[in-house]
Amino acid sequence: MPKATYKGVVLAQSKNTERVEGNHYFPPEAINRDHFQPSDHHTVFPWKGTASYYHIVVGDEVVKNGAWYYPEPKAAAANIKNHVAFYSMVKVEN
């Protein structure tokens, strides 16, 4: 089952991830909300839409904009709506 960890802390775990462009997108109910803070950062991807970001918080460490999701994806990316993906500092294993 795919699991996302940072410094040994489980951030998300689910057997129902979506794979897009090599990234596991975890369903919103699979993330441990204790380790996420909303960010005001956004980026736009042509076929997916506008991504919103979370800061990842583990202990006293904050990884700014370390996770992203699409609250209102374009139709081609509807399967990842609100699913969370991570940058490479987060270890994702099957």
C-alpha atoms as a PDB file:
ATOM      1  CA  MET A   1       0.000   0.000   0.000  1.00  0.00           C
ATOM      2  CA  PRO A   2       1.491   3.369  -0.949  1.00  0.00           C
ATOM      3  CA  LYS A   3       2.752   5.349   2.027  1.00  0.00           C
ATOM      4  CA  ALA A   4       4.266   8.852   2.170  1.00  0.00           C
ATOM      5  CA  THR A   5       6.759   9.574   4.977  1.00  0.00           C
ATOM      6  CA  TYR A   6       8.995  12.433   5.955  1.00  0.00           C
ATOM      7  CA  LYS A   7      11.750  11.842   8.526  1.00  0.00           C
ATOM      8  CA  GLY A   8       9.997   8.642   9.573  1.00  0.00           C
ATOM      9  CA  VAL A   9       6.587  10.288  10.110  1.00  0.00           C
ATOM     10  CA  VAL A  10       3.680   8.916   8.075  1.00  0.00           C
ATOM     11  CA  LEU A  11       2.023  11.771   6.188  1.00  0.00           C
ATOM     12  CA  ALA A  12      -0.382   9.682   4.090  1.00  0.00           C
ATOM     13  CA  GLN A  13      -1.212   6.057   3.387  1.00  0.00           C
ATOM     14  CA  SER A  14      -3.762   4.515   1.029  1.00  0.00           C
ATOM     15  CA  LYS A  15      -4.243   1.660  -1.382  1.00  0.00           C
ATOM     16  CA  ASN A  16      -6.397   4.015  -3.478  1.00  0.00           C
ATOM     17  CA  THR A  17      -3.855   6.488  -4.835  1.00  0.00           C
ATOM     18  CA  GLU A  18      -4.014   7.874  -8.357  1.00  0.00           C
ATOM     19  CA  ARG A  19      -0.786   7.823 -10.406  1.00  0.00           C
ATOM     20  CA  VAL A  20      -0.224  10.892 -12.576  1.00  0.00           C
ATOM     21  CA  GLU A  21       3.077  11.833 -14.186  1.00  0.00           C
ATOM     22  CA  GLY A  22       4.976   9.503 -11.848  1.00  0.00           C
ATOM     23  CA  ASN A  23       3.417  10.892  -8.660  1.00  0.00           C
ATOM     24  CA  HIS A  24       1.094   9.142  -6.233  1.00  0.00           C
ATOM     25  CA  TYR A  25      -1.894  11.349  -5.438  1.00  0.00           C
ATOM     26  CA  PHE A  26      -3.365  10.349  -2.081  1.00  0.00           C
ATOM     27  CA  PRO A  27      -7.091  10.764  -1.438  1.00  0.00           C
ATOM     28  CA  PRO A  28      -7.880  13.555   1.042  1.00  0.00           C
ATOM     29  CA  GLU A  29      -9.063  11.149   3.741  1.00  0.00           C
ATOM     30  CA  ALA A  30      -5.682   9.362   3.632  1.00  0.00           C
ATOM     31  CA  ILE A  31      -3.550  12.280   4.791  1.00  0.00           C
ATOM     32  CA  ASN A  32      -2.634  12.914   8.418  1.00  0.00           C
ATOM     33  CA  ARG A  33      -3.931  16.474   8.750  1.00  0.00           C
ATOM     34  CA  ASP A  34      -1.805  17.044  11.884  1.00  0.00           C
ATOM     35  CA  HIS A  35       1.187  17.533   9.564  1.00  0.00           C
ATOM     36  CA  PHE A  36      -0.310  19.957   7.014  1.00  0.00           C
ATOM     37  CA  GLN A  37      -0.780  23.725   7.049  1.00  0.00           C
ATOM     38  CA  PRO A  38      -2.498  25.606   4.225  1.00  0.00           C
ATOM     39  CA  SER A  39      -0.279  27.719   1.975  1.00  0.00           C
ATOM     40  CA  ASP A  40      -1.312  30.663  -0.168  1.00  0.00           C
ATOM     41  CA  HIS A  41       0.961  29.444  -2.983  1.00  0.00           C
ATOM     42  CA  HIS A  42      -0.606  28.397  -6.310  1.00  0.00           C
ATOM     43  CA  THR A  43       0.691  27.219  -9.664  1.00  0.00           C
ATOM     44  CA  VAL A  44      -1.112  26.579 -12.945  1.00  0.00           C
ATOM     45  CA  PHE A  45      -0.656  23.505 -15.124  1.00  0.00           C
ATOM     46  CA  PRO A  46      -2.203  23.552 -18.607  1.00  0.00           C
ATOM     47  CA  TRP A  47      -4.106  20.262 -18.504  1.00  0.00           C
ATOM     48  CA  LYS A  48      -4.632  19.866 -14.743  1.00  0.00           C
ATOM     49  CA  GLY A  49      -5.588  23.380 -13.666  1.00  0.00           C
ATOM     50  CA  THR A  50      -4.562  25.439 -10.635  1.00  0.00           C
ATOM     51  CA  ALA A  51      -2.702  23.643  -7.850  1.00  0.00           C
ATOM     52  CA  SER A  52      -2.961  24.700  -4.228  1.00  0.00           C
ATOM     53  CA  TYR A  53      -0.264  23.830  -1.704  1.00  0.00           C
ATOM     54  CA  TYR A  54       0.304  22.706   1.864  1.00  0.00           C
ATOM     55  CA  HIS A  55       3.308  23.254   4.094  1.00  0.00           C
ATOM     56  CA  ILE A  56       4.404  19.992   5.712  1.00  0.00           C
ATOM     57  CA  VAL A  57       5.062  20.212   9.457  1.00  0.00           C
ATOM     58  CA  VAL A  58       7.056  17.540  11.291  1.00  0.00           C
ATOM     59  CA  GLY A  59       8.125  18.524  14.779  1.00  0.00           C
ATOM     60  CA  ASP A  60       9.723  21.966  14.578  1.00  0.00           C
ATOM     61  CA  GLU A  61      10.498  21.609  10.866  1.00  0.00           C
ATOM     62  CA  VAL A  62       8.325  23.156   8.160  1.00  0.00           C
ATOM     63  CA  VAL A  63       8.711  22.139   4.511  1.00  0.00           C
ATOM     64  CA  LYS A  64       7.187  25.068   2.661  1.00  0.00           C
ATOM     65  CA  ASN A  65       4.863  24.076  -0.166  1.00  0.00           C
ATOM     66  CA  GLY A  66       5.951  20.438   0.112  1.00  0.00           C
ATOM     67  CA  ALA A  67       2.588  19.018  -0.977  1.00  0.00           C
ATOM     68  CA  TRP A  68       0.033  20.043  -3.569  1.00  0.00           C
ATOM     69  CA  TYR A  69      -3.518  19.283  -4.648  1.00  0.00           C
ATOM     70  CA  TYR A  70      -6.111  20.421  -7.179  1.00  0.00           C
ATOM     71  CA  PRO A  71      -9.336  21.666  -5.552  1.00  0.00           C
ATOM     72  CA  GLU A  72     -10.958  22.437  -8.934  1.00  0.00           C
ATOM     73  CA  PRO A  73      -9.067  20.451 -11.595  1.00  0.00           C
ATOM     74  CA  LYS A  74      -9.839  20.570 -15.283  1.00  0.00           C
ATOM     75  CA  ALA A  75     -11.939  17.704 -16.671  1.00  0.00           C
ATOM     76  CA  ALA A  76      -8.859  15.756 -17.809  1.00  0.00           C
ATOM     77  CA  ALA A  77      -7.627  15.610 -14.189  1.00  0.00           C
ATOM     78  CA  ALA A  78     -10.971  15.094 -12.424  1.00  0.00           C
ATOM     79  CA  ASN A  79      -9.683  11.830 -10.900  1.00  0.00           C
ATOM     80  CA  ILE A  80      -7.212  13.751  -8.693  1.00  0.00           C
ATOM     81  CA  LYS A  81      -9.593  16.350  -7.283  1.00  0.00           C
ATOM     82  CA  ASN A  82      -8.396  17.181  -3.737  1.00  0.00           C
ATOM     83  CA  HIS A  83      -5.864  14.312  -3.834  1.00  0.00           C
ATOM     84  CA  VAL A  84      -2.475  15.224  -2.345  1.00  0.00           C
ATOM     85  CA  ALA A  85       0.941  14.654  -3.956  1.00  0.00           C
ATOM     86  CA  PHE A  86       4.408  15.349  -2.592  1.00  0.00           C
ATOM     87  CA  TYR A  87       7.767  16.689  -3.701  1.00  0.00           C
ATOM     88  CA  SER A  88      10.755  14.349  -3.650  1.00  0.00           C
ATOM     89  CA  MET A  89      11.852  15.164  -0.097  1.00  0.00           C
ATOM     90  CA  VAL A  90       8.880  13.030   0.968  1.00  0.00           C
ATOM     91  CA  LYS A  91       9.515   9.315   0.558  1.00  0.00           C
ATOM     92  CA  VAL A  92       6.672   7.489  -1.191  1.00  0.00           C
ATOM     93  CA  GLU A  93       6.835   3.701  -1.129  1.00  0.00           C
ATOM     94  CA  ASN A  94       4.498   0.957  -2.300  1.00  0.00           C
END
